[in-house]
Protein backbone atom coordinates (compact mmCIF):
# COMPACT_ATOMS: atom_id res chain seq x y z
CA MET A 1 -79.23 18.99 142.67
CA PHE A 2 -79.73 20.79 139.36
CA ALA A 3 -83.13 22.11 140.47
CA ARG A 4 -81.83 23.20 143.88
CA LEU A 5 -78.80 24.96 142.45
CA LEU A 6 -80.92 26.64 139.76
CA ILE A 7 -83.55 27.80 142.27
CA VAL A 8 -80.95 29.10 144.75
CA THR A 9 -79.05 30.97 142.01
CA LEU A 10 -82.23 32.50 140.57
CA ALA A 11 -83.38 33.47 144.07
CA ILE A 12 -80.08 35.25 144.69
CA ILE A 13 -80.32 37.05 141.33
CA LEU A 14 -83.94 37.99 142.08
CA VAL A 15 -83.06 39.38 145.50
CA CYS A 16 -80.16 41.36 144.03
CA THR A 17 -82.36 42.64 141.19
CA VAL A 18 -85.15 43.70 143.54
CA GLY A 19 -82.66 45.30 145.92
CA LEU A 20 -80.89 47.22 143.18
CA PHE A 21 -84.18 48.29 141.62
CA SER A 22 -85.51 49.45 145.00
CA LEU A 23 -82.34 51.44 145.60
CA PHE A 24 -82.54 52.84 142.09
CA TYR A 25 -86.24 53.65 142.53
CA VAL A 26 -85.78 55.51 145.81
CA SER A 27 -82.72 57.37 144.53
CA MET A 28 -84.31 58.37 141.23
CA ARG A 29 -87.58 59.33 142.91
CA SER A 30 -85.75 61.59 145.33
CA SER A 31 -83.69 63.05 142.48
CA TYR A 32 -86.81 63.59 140.36
CA ILE A 33 -88.66 65.37 143.20
CA ASP A 34 -85.62 67.55 143.91
CA GLN A 35 -85.41 68.48 140.24
CA ARG A 36 -89.12 69.31 140.19
CA MET A 37 -88.83 71.47 143.30
CA ASN A 38 -85.83 73.31 141.86
CA GLU A 39 -87.88 74.11 138.77
CA LEU A 40 -90.71 75.42 140.94
CA LYS A 41 -88.19 77.42 142.95
CA VAL A 42 -86.94 79.10 139.78
CA GLN A 43 -90.51 80.01 138.84
CA ALA A 44 -91.16 81.37 142.35
CA TYR A 45 -88.10 83.64 142.13
CA ASP A 46 -89.29 84.92 138.75
CA ILE A 47 -92.69 85.80 140.26
CA ALA A 48 -90.98 87.46 143.27
CA TYR A 49 -88.91 89.61 140.94
CA LEU A 50 -91.94 90.67 138.92
CA ALA A 51 -93.88 91.39 142.14
CA SER A 52 -91.22 93.86 143.24
CA ARG A 53 -91.46 95.58 139.85
CA VAL A 54 -95.24 95.92 140.24
CA ARG A 55 -94.82 97.62 143.62
CA ASN A 56 -92.46 100.21 142.17
CA ASN A 57 -94.84 101.17 139.40
CA ALA A 58 -96.51 104.01 141.33
CA VAL A 59 -97.91 105.64 138.23
CA ALA A 60 -99.97 102.63 137.35
CA ASP A 61 -101.21 102.36 140.93
CA ALA A 62 -102.27 106.05 140.97
CA LEU A 63 -104.25 105.73 137.77
CA GLY A 64 -105.77 102.48 138.90
CA HIS A 65 -104.63 100.63 135.82
CA THR A 66 -103.06 97.21 135.67
CA SER A 67 -99.43 97.62 134.70
CA ILE A 68 -97.78 95.61 132.02
CA THR A 69 -95.58 93.94 134.69
CA GLU A 70 -98.63 92.86 136.70
CA ALA A 71 -100.16 91.40 133.59
CA TYR A 72 -96.96 89.55 132.93
CA ILE A 73 -97.07 88.14 136.48
CA GLN A 74 -100.55 86.82 135.80
CA TRP A 75 -99.34 85.29 132.55
CA LYS A 76 -96.38 83.78 134.35
CA ALA A 77 -98.61 82.31 137.03
CA ASN A 78 -100.85 80.81 134.38
CA GLN A 79 -97.79 79.24 132.73
CA VAL A 80 -96.70 77.74 136.05
CA TYR A 81 -100.19 76.33 136.54
CA GLU A 82 -100.39 74.88 133.04
CA GLU A 83 -96.85 73.49 132.96
CA PHE A 84 -96.42 72.32 136.54
CA ASN A 85 -100.05 72.11 137.73
CA ALA A 86 -98.96 74.46 140.54
CA TYR A 87 -100.66 77.42 142.21
CA SER A 88 -98.78 80.57 143.15
CA VAL A 89 -99.54 83.42 145.56
CA VAL A 90 -97.67 86.45 146.91
CA VAL A 91 -98.08 87.45 150.58
CA ASP A 92 -96.76 90.38 152.59
CA ARG A 93 -94.94 90.20 155.91
CA THR A 94 -98.17 89.73 157.83
CA GLY A 95 -99.20 86.76 155.69
CA LYS A 96 -101.90 88.71 153.90
CA THR A 97 -102.34 87.81 150.25
CA THR A 98 -101.42 90.77 148.04
CA LEU A 99 -101.52 89.15 144.62
CA TYR A 100 -103.13 86.01 143.23
CA ALA A 101 -101.96 84.34 140.15
CA THR A 102 -104.98 85.29 138.07
CA PRO A 103 -108.50 86.21 138.92
CA GLU A 104 -109.69 82.96 137.33
CA LEU A 105 -107.52 80.94 139.74
CA MET A 106 -108.34 83.02 142.80
CA ARG A 107 -110.97 80.67 144.20
CA GLU A 108 -108.90 77.56 143.65
CA THR A 109 -105.87 79.23 145.23
CA GLU A 110 -107.85 80.06 148.36
CA ILE A 111 -108.85 76.42 148.62
CA VAL A 112 -105.37 75.06 148.04
CA PHE A 113 -103.30 77.29 150.35
CA ASP A 114 -103.68 76.81 154.09
CA GLN A 115 -103.34 80.14 155.91
CA ASP A 116 -101.87 78.53 159.03
CA HIS A 117 -99.24 76.80 156.97
CA ILE A 118 -98.39 80.09 155.21
CA VAL A 119 -97.89 81.87 158.54
CA LYS A 120 -95.77 79.03 159.89
CA VAL A 121 -93.43 78.94 156.90
CA LEU A 122 -93.39 82.74 156.51
CA LYS A 123 -91.33 83.19 159.67
CA GLN A 124 -88.40 81.36 158.10
CA VAL A 125 -88.80 82.97 154.68
CA LEU A 126 -88.71 86.50 156.18
CA LEU A 127 -85.24 85.62 157.47
CA GLY A 128 -84.12 85.23 153.85
CA GLU A 129 -84.42 81.43 153.65
CA GLU A 130 -86.02 79.43 150.87
CA ILE A 131 -88.26 76.59 151.97
CA VAL A 132 -89.25 73.35 150.25
CA THR A 133 -91.58 71.31 152.41
CA PRO A 134 -94.31 68.68 152.04
CA SER A 135 -97.67 69.55 153.50
CA GLU A 136 -101.18 68.22 153.75
CA GLY A 137 -103.67 70.31 151.79
CA GLN A 138 -107.43 70.09 151.60
CA THR A 139 -107.14 67.99 148.44
CA GLY A 140 -104.34 65.70 149.65
CA PRO A 141 -100.52 65.66 149.94
CA MET A 142 -98.85 68.79 148.57
CA PHE A 143 -95.36 70.16 147.94
CA THR A 144 -94.83 73.82 148.90
CA VAL A 145 -91.98 76.04 147.69
CA ALA A 146 -91.56 79.42 149.44
CA VAL A 147 -88.95 82.05 148.49
CA PRO A 148 -88.48 85.59 149.89
CA TRP A 149 -89.99 88.59 148.08
CA ILE A 150 -87.19 91.17 148.19
CA ASP A 151 -87.16 94.80 147.08
CA ASN A 152 -84.07 97.00 147.46
CA GLY A 153 -82.58 94.56 149.95
CA THR A 154 -85.73 94.47 152.10
CA VAL A 155 -87.82 91.33 152.49
CA LEU A 156 -91.37 92.47 151.81
CA GLY A 157 -93.01 89.08 151.98
CA ALA A 158 -92.89 85.70 150.26
CA VAL A 159 -93.93 83.94 147.11
CA PHE A 160 -95.58 80.52 147.62
CA VAL A 161 -95.82 77.96 144.85
CA GLN A 162 -97.72 74.81 145.72
CA THR A 163 -98.43 71.68 143.71
CA ALA A 164 -100.13 68.40 144.43
CA ALA A 165 -97.82 65.46 145.13
CA GLN A 166 -99.91 62.98 143.18
CA PRO A 167 -99.11 64.36 139.69
CA ILE A 168 -95.40 64.28 140.51
CA TYR A 169 -95.63 60.69 141.68
CA ALA A 170 -97.73 59.80 138.66
CA SER A 171 -95.25 61.28 136.20
CA PHE A 172 -92.42 59.37 137.89
CA ARG A 173 -94.44 56.13 138.03
CA SER A 174 -94.27 55.67 134.26
CA PHE A 175 -90.50 55.98 134.44
CA ALA A 176 -90.43 53.47 137.32
CA LEU A 177 -92.54 51.03 135.29
CA GLN A 178 -90.06 51.22 132.45
CA GLY A 179 -87.25 50.51 134.92
CA ALA A 180 -89.20 47.57 136.38
CA LEU A 181 -89.81 46.17 132.89
CA ALA A 182 -86.12 46.48 132.03
CA SER A 183 -85.20 44.74 135.31
CA LEU A 184 -87.66 41.94 134.55
CA ILE A 185 -86.18 41.43 131.09
CA LEU A 186 -82.63 41.36 132.52
CA PHE A 187 -83.74 38.88 135.18
CA ALA A 188 -85.24 36.63 132.50
CA LEU A 189 -82.04 36.79 130.45
CA ALA A 190 -79.98 36.05 133.56
CA GLY A 191 -82.29 33.13 134.33
CA VAL A 192 -81.72 31.65 130.88
CA CYS A 193 -77.94 32.06 131.22
CA VAL A 194 -77.99 30.52 134.71
CA PHE A 195 -80.03 27.59 133.38
CA PHE A 196 -77.48 26.70 130.72
CA VAL A 197 -74.45 27.40 132.93
CA THR A 198 -75.90 25.35 135.79
CA ARG A 199 -76.69 22.47 133.44
CA GLN A 200 -73.14 22.62 132.13
CA ILE A 201 -71.77 22.53 135.68
CA ILE A 202 -74.07 19.75 136.83
CA LYS A 203 -73.49 17.56 133.77
CA PRO A 204 -70.03 16.29 134.91
CA LEU A 205 -71.43 15.74 138.41
CA ARG A 206 -74.23 13.62 136.98
CA VAL A 207 -71.67 11.59 135.06
CA MET A 208 -69.64 11.18 138.25
CA SER A 209 -72.73 10.10 140.13
CA GLN A 210 -73.49 7.51 137.46
CA MET A 211 -69.89 6.28 137.48
CA ALA A 212 -69.88 6.13 141.28
CA GLY A 213 -72.93 3.86 141.12
CA GLU A 214 -71.19 1.60 138.62
CA ILE A 215 -68.03 1.52 140.72
CA ALA A 216 -70.17 0.55 143.72
CA GLN A 217 -71.29 -2.44 141.61
CA GLY A 218 -67.68 -3.51 141.15
CA LYS A 219 -66.92 -1.91 137.77
CA PHE A 220 -63.65 -0.31 138.85
CA ASP A 221 -62.49 0.42 135.29
CA ARG A 222 -64.96 3.30 134.89
CA ARG A 223 -63.54 6.81 134.37
CA VAL A 224 -65.16 10.22 133.86
CA PRO A 225 -64.12 12.66 131.08
CA ILE A 226 -62.08 15.62 132.29
CA SER A 227 -63.91 18.70 131.01
CA GLY A 228 -65.66 21.85 132.16
CA SER A 229 -64.35 24.52 134.52
CA ARG A 230 -61.06 24.28 136.35
CA GLU A 231 -62.74 23.12 139.56
CA THR A 232 -64.77 20.50 137.68
CA ARG A 233 -61.65 19.23 135.91
CA GLU A 234 -59.85 18.97 139.24
CA LEU A 235 -62.80 17.10 140.73
CA ALA A 236 -62.93 14.75 137.73
CA ALA A 237 -59.18 14.12 138.01
CA ALA A 238 -59.54 13.38 141.74
CA PHE A 239 -62.48 11.06 140.98
CA ASN A 240 -60.45 9.17 138.37
CA LEU A 241 -57.54 8.93 140.78
CA MET A 242 -59.86 7.50 143.42
CA ALA A 243 -61.29 5.04 140.89
CA GLY A 244 -57.79 3.99 139.88
CA GLN A 245 -56.79 3.44 143.51
CA LEU A 246 -59.96 1.42 144.12
CA ASP A 247 -59.18 -0.63 141.02
CA GLN A 248 -55.66 -1.21 142.27
CA LEU A 249 -56.95 -2.07 145.74
CA GLU A 250 -59.43 -4.54 144.27
CA ASN A 251 -56.68 -6.17 142.20
CA THR A 252 -54.50 -6.35 145.30
CA ARG A 253 -57.35 -7.94 147.23
CA ARG A 254 -57.91 -10.51 144.52
CA ASP A 255 -54.19 -11.26 144.31
CA PHE A 256 -54.06 -11.51 148.08
CA VAL A 257 -56.92 -14.01 148.19
CA ALA A 258 -55.42 -15.99 145.33
CA ASN A 259 -51.96 -16.03 146.91
CA VAL A 260 -53.25 -16.98 150.34
CA SER A 261 -55.35 -19.72 148.77
CA HIS A 262 -52.32 -21.01 146.87
CA GLU A 263 -50.00 -20.83 149.88
CA LEU A 264 -52.52 -22.69 152.03
CA ARG A 265 -53.59 -25.20 149.41
CA SER A 266 -50.09 -26.36 148.44
CA PRO A 267 -48.96 -27.65 151.87
CA MET A 268 -52.43 -28.92 152.73
CA THR A 269 -52.57 -30.89 149.46
CA SER A 270 -49.12 -32.28 150.14
CA MET A 271 -49.99 -33.29 153.69
CA GLN A 272 -53.28 -34.81 152.62
CA GLY A 273 -51.56 -36.91 149.95
CA PHE A 274 -48.86 -38.20 152.26
CA LEU A 275 -51.29 -39.01 155.07
CA GLN A 276 -53.70 -40.71 152.67
CA GLY A 277 -50.81 -42.75 151.28
CA MET A 278 -49.84 -43.92 154.74
CA LEU A 279 -53.42 -44.79 155.66
CA ASP A 280 -54.15 -46.81 152.52
CA GLY A 281 -50.76 -48.58 152.54
CA THR A 282 -49.36 -46.91 149.42
CA ILE A 283 -46.39 -45.65 151.45
CA PRO A 284 -44.61 -48.61 153.11
CA PRO A 285 -44.02 -48.45 156.90
CA ALA A 286 -40.28 -48.18 156.38
CA GLU A 287 -40.67 -44.81 154.60
CA GLN A 288 -43.47 -43.42 156.74
CA ARG A 289 -41.08 -41.64 159.13
CA ARG A 290 -39.54 -39.69 156.25
CA TYR A 291 -42.94 -38.63 154.98
CA MET A 292 -44.11 -37.76 158.49
CA GLN A 293 -41.14 -35.38 158.68
CA ILE A 294 -42.31 -33.78 155.42
CA VAL A 295 -45.80 -33.39 156.87
CA LEU A 296 -44.28 -31.79 159.99
CA ASP A 297 -42.28 -29.37 157.84
CA GLU A 298 -45.44 -28.43 155.94
CA THR A 299 -47.32 -27.74 159.19
CA ARG A 300 -44.48 -25.51 160.30
CA ARG A 301 -44.68 -23.75 156.96
CA LEU A 302 -48.41 -23.21 157.50
CA SER A 303 -47.73 -21.96 161.01
CA ARG A 304 -45.20 -19.44 159.69
CA LEU A 305 -47.64 -18.28 157.04
CA VAL A 306 -50.46 -17.75 159.55
CA ALA A 307 -48.07 -15.98 161.93
CA SER A 308 -46.92 -13.69 159.10
CA LEU A 309 -50.50 -12.90 158.12
CA LEU A 310 -51.40 -12.08 161.71
CA ASN A 311 -48.31 -9.93 162.06
CA LEU A 312 -49.07 -8.03 158.85
CA SER A 313 -52.69 -7.57 159.90
CA ARG A 314 -51.58 -6.21 163.24
CA MET A 315 -49.17 -3.79 161.56
CA GLU A 316 -51.87 -2.53 159.17
CA ASN A 317 -54.26 -1.88 162.04
CA SER A 318 -54.11 1.87 162.64
CA ASP A 319 -55.15 1.34 166.27
CA THR A 320 -51.97 -0.62 167.04
CA GLU A 321 -49.71 1.47 169.26
CA LEU A 322 -45.92 1.23 169.12
CA SER A 323 -44.02 0.82 172.34
CA HIS A 324 -41.15 3.25 171.88
CA SER A 325 -38.03 2.92 173.96
CA THR A 326 -34.34 3.81 173.72
CA PHE A 327 -32.08 0.81 173.10
CA ASP A 328 -28.74 -0.18 171.60
CA ILE A 329 -29.31 -1.27 167.99
CA HIS A 330 -26.03 -3.23 167.99
CA GLU A 331 -27.20 -5.36 170.89
CA CYS A 332 -30.45 -6.01 169.01
CA ILE A 333 -28.50 -7.08 165.91
CA ARG A 334 -26.37 -9.45 167.97
CA ARG A 335 -29.46 -11.15 169.44
CA VAL A 336 -30.87 -11.71 165.93
CA ILE A 337 -27.55 -13.15 164.73
CA ILE A 338 -27.37 -15.57 167.69
CA ALA A 339 -30.96 -16.74 166.93
CA ASN A 340 -29.94 -17.50 163.31
CA MET A 341 -26.46 -18.91 164.02
CA THR A 342 -27.54 -22.49 163.31
CA GLN A 343 -28.71 -21.63 159.81
CA LEU A 344 -25.52 -19.66 159.15
CA ASP A 345 -23.37 -22.62 160.22
CA GLU A 346 -25.39 -25.11 158.17
CA LYS A 347 -24.76 -23.11 154.97
CA GLY A 348 -21.17 -22.26 155.88
CA MET A 349 -21.75 -18.51 155.57
CA GLU A 350 -19.53 -15.69 156.74
CA LEU A 351 -21.12 -12.79 158.62
CA ALA A 352 -19.30 -9.46 158.85
CA LEU A 353 -20.32 -6.58 161.14
CA SER A 354 -19.32 -2.98 160.48
CA PHE A 355 -20.31 -0.73 163.38
CA GLU A 356 -19.18 2.90 163.58
CA ASP A 357 -19.61 3.42 167.31
CA GLU A 358 -20.24 1.26 170.34
CA PRO A 359 -22.92 1.44 171.60
CA MET A 360 -25.36 3.09 169.15
CA TYR A 361 -28.71 4.13 170.61
CA VAL A 362 -31.96 4.54 168.71
CA ARG A 363 -35.56 5.25 169.73
CA ALA A 364 -38.15 2.83 168.35
CA ASP A 365 -40.24 -0.22 169.20
CA ALA A 366 -37.46 -2.73 169.97
CA GLU A 367 -39.63 -5.80 169.36
CA GLN A 368 -40.79 -4.57 165.93
CA ILE A 369 -37.28 -3.53 164.84
CA GLU A 370 -36.03 -6.97 165.88
CA GLN A 371 -38.71 -8.45 163.61
CA VAL A 372 -37.40 -6.30 160.70
CA LEU A 373 -33.85 -7.54 161.31
CA ILE A 374 -35.05 -11.16 161.52
CA ASN A 375 -36.89 -10.89 158.20
CA LEU A 376 -33.98 -9.21 156.40
CA LEU A 377 -31.38 -11.64 157.78
CA SER A 378 -33.61 -14.66 157.06
CA ASN A 379 -34.02 -13.52 153.45
CA ALA A 380 -30.28 -13.01 153.11
CA ILE A 381 -29.59 -16.52 154.46
CA LYS A 382 -32.37 -18.07 152.39
CA TYR A 383 -31.37 -16.61 149.02
CA THR A 384 -27.59 -16.60 149.37
CA PRO A 385 -25.82 -19.75 148.18
CA GLU A 386 -23.74 -21.91 150.53
CA GLY A 387 -20.38 -20.41 151.43
CA GLY A 388 -21.61 -16.89 150.74
CA HIS A 389 -21.16 -13.93 153.00
CA ILE A 390 -23.51 -11.40 154.64
CA ARG A 391 -22.58 -7.94 155.87
CA ILE A 392 -24.48 -5.81 158.41
CA SER A 393 -23.33 -2.20 158.82
CA THR A 394 -24.59 0.83 160.74
CA ALA A 395 -24.01 4.58 160.51
CA GLN A 396 -25.39 7.37 162.66
CA ASP A 397 -25.67 11.14 162.58
CA ALA A 398 -27.47 13.57 164.88
CA CYS A 399 -30.95 12.59 163.70
CA ILE A 400 -30.91 9.35 161.71
CA THR A 401 -29.37 5.93 162.17
CA ARG A 402 -28.95 3.77 159.05
CA ILE A 403 -28.77 -0.03 159.11
CA ILE A 404 -27.77 -1.98 155.97
CA VAL A 405 -28.13 -5.75 155.50
CA GLN A 406 -26.27 -6.92 152.39
CA ASP A 407 -25.62 -10.35 150.85
CA ASN A 408 -23.75 -11.64 147.81
CA GLY A 409 -26.62 -13.75 146.47
CA PRO A 410 -28.19 -13.54 143.00
CA GLY A 411 -29.74 -10.19 143.84
CA ILE A 412 -33.03 -8.77 142.58
CA ALA A 413 -33.78 -8.11 138.93
CA PRO A 414 -34.53 -4.47 138.01
CA GLU A 415 -38.01 -5.40 136.76
CA ASP A 416 -38.80 -6.97 140.15
CA ALA A 417 -37.44 -4.13 142.29
CA PRO A 418 -40.62 -1.94 142.30
CA TYR A 419 -42.74 -4.82 143.63
CA ILE A 420 -40.59 -6.52 146.25
CA PHE A 421 -42.44 -4.82 149.14
CA ASP A 422 -45.85 -5.99 147.87
CA ARG A 423 -47.58 -8.78 149.75
CA PHE A 424 -46.93 -12.28 148.39
CA TYR A 425 -44.63 -10.99 145.67
CA LYS A 426 -41.76 -13.40 145.01
CA ALA A 427 -39.19 -12.90 142.25
CA ASP A 428 -38.93 -16.55 141.29
CA LYS A 429 -36.50 -15.78 138.50
CA ALA A 430 -33.91 -14.70 141.07
CA HIS A 431 -34.91 -16.70 144.13
CA THR A 432 -35.30 -20.36 144.81
CA VAL A 433 -38.80 -21.59 144.09
CA GLY A 434 -40.85 -22.74 147.06
CA LYS A 435 -39.04 -20.70 149.72
CA GLY A 436 -40.80 -18.03 151.71
CA THR A 437 -44.32 -16.63 151.68
CA GLY A 438 -43.67 -13.22 150.13
CA LEU A 439 -44.80 -11.41 153.29
CA GLY A 440 -41.51 -10.69 155.05
CA LEU A 441 -40.59 -7.49 153.18
CA ALA A 442 -44.22 -6.30 153.23
CA ILE A 443 -44.17 -6.62 157.03
CA CYS A 444 -40.84 -4.76 157.20
CA LYS A 445 -42.18 -1.88 155.10
CA ARG A 446 -45.32 -1.56 157.20
CA ILE A 447 -43.30 -1.55 160.44
CA MET A 448 -41.05 1.23 159.14
CA GLU A 449 -44.07 3.24 157.96
CA LYS A 450 -45.57 2.97 161.45
CA HIS A 451 -42.30 4.40 162.80
CA GLY A 452 -42.31 7.21 160.25
CA GLN A 453 -39.07 5.88 158.75
CA THR A 454 -38.04 4.31 155.42
CA ILE A 455 -36.78 1.00 154.07
CA ARG A 456 -35.42 0.60 150.56
CA LEU A 457 -33.48 -1.62 148.22
CA LEU A 458 -30.08 -0.06 147.50
CA PRO A 459 -29.29 -0.05 143.77
CA GLY A 460 -26.08 -1.12 142.09
CA ASN A 461 -24.89 -3.66 144.66
CA GLU A 462 -23.64 -7.23 144.31
CA GLY A 463 -26.48 -9.35 145.62
CA ALA A 464 -29.24 -7.59 147.53
CA ALA A 465 -28.72 -4.71 150.00
CA PHE A 466 -31.56 -3.31 152.12
CA GLU A 467 -31.27 -0.12 154.14
CA PHE A 468 -33.71 1.08 156.81
CA THR A 469 -33.55 4.13 159.04
CA LEU A 470 -34.33 4.79 162.70
CA GLU A 471 -34.48 7.86 164.91
CA SER A 472 -31.14 8.45 166.65
CA SER A 473 -31.12 8.86 170.41
CA THR A 474 -28.78 9.32 173.34
CA ALA A 475 -28.12 6.75 176.04
CA PRO A 476 -30.90 6.44 178.63
CA GLU A 477 -30.26 7.84 182.10
CA SER A 478 -30.01 4.39 183.68
CA THR A 479 -27.20 3.44 181.28
CA HIS A 480 -25.20 6.54 182.26
CA MET A 481 -25.58 5.62 185.91
CA GLU A 482 -24.48 2.02 185.31
CA GLU A 483 -21.42 3.15 183.37
CA SER A 484 -20.46 5.61 186.12
CA HIS A 485 -20.83 2.87 188.79
CA ALA A 486 -18.75 0.49 186.75
CA ALA A 487 -16.04 3.10 186.29
CA GLN A 488 -16.07 3.84 190.02
CA SER A 489 -15.77 0.12 190.88
CA GLN A 490 -12.82 -0.29 188.53
CA SER A 491 -11.07 2.68 190.11
CA GLU A 492 -11.61 1.23 193.60
CA ASP A 493 -10.23 -2.12 192.49
């Protein structure tokens, strides 16, 4: 990953560097050529001005002598040639050459300037325009500058200054090489910086990769140091959180296996001992019926444990669909009470109901909510002493219905409260040892989570009080029809 990230980053920097340098090169080359042409244009205007002065010197023409101005033109043309490597010539309106730069350059000028090109450009110059144009000379690519030759407001001809393109390109090439060298040095420095920055970024990822391998081997106590950039620190924190959750999950799994093993082994050991005692004659025939009843009770205990495990597994299966319906929660509570009436009578308990309205409709899976009520009421009966009392109350608003199951038993210690919904957790200090499997409240919590509702232990109550919520609903259409028929029958009677 380090090599890939480094190569990709360097490739991006290289592309950006080449792109910027190319843009810089083209822009500077164009600017350099424009500057060079402007300089040649200034020289051409100087020659045009001097040419008009030569024409007005009639005395010198009559005597046949070269005027001082004409000599200055020749000197100027020589300077242009030496400084810019450019040839200059003055032509009249017909394109005929009237003045060469110097006699020494006459032959070279005739070779350099193309007469057809002069005639073509002259048409525009005679209109008062100045022309800068590339052309193809006998010796290669050329740049031609043409400006009007004006005297007393009349365009008499044009001054042409022409230079080879190659010297201009050559003079700019050295500047371009310096720019390329500077770009290469900057790219190298950027590469070094990217190398160290990338290594610093990848280092925590390598540590995470190593820790992930160790976690995969079962070492769930591994953690990565939180360092680096903000994103890396957030990733490290998320990794440590995941590792912590995996550690917790592994501990839960181990506790689950240990608890299931214990819950299964205890009744099986008891049954095995009693049956072995009856088979080998240790238990006399007169007492065998009593011990057979104990064995039967232990098998029922195992059956309840297996049923609870299957129920919890079904609730934790995300594919399990709830069968929602609208029903009267009070009717559901009454059915659960009737099913547990024998146990209530055996312990001499009082059961009080506090219902706000009759009926009270909710929308949920009726079978699963009945299971929640069974578990809560069974716990209340199980852990409340004989002669105690249990209270079930309901309250409803527009959206939520609350059901509370409360007893006056020993209650739940504050240190046990955070764990009572964990699987197989039993607060033995508060509850009678040997009763229950520790799965009832875990099943209740999972059922309420599947419904998108809550269940909680209410604080500060005598005994234990559990509250769970359901979605409020209105009476189904069939119920309205039945009530209307009943009302109509009563009126007819």
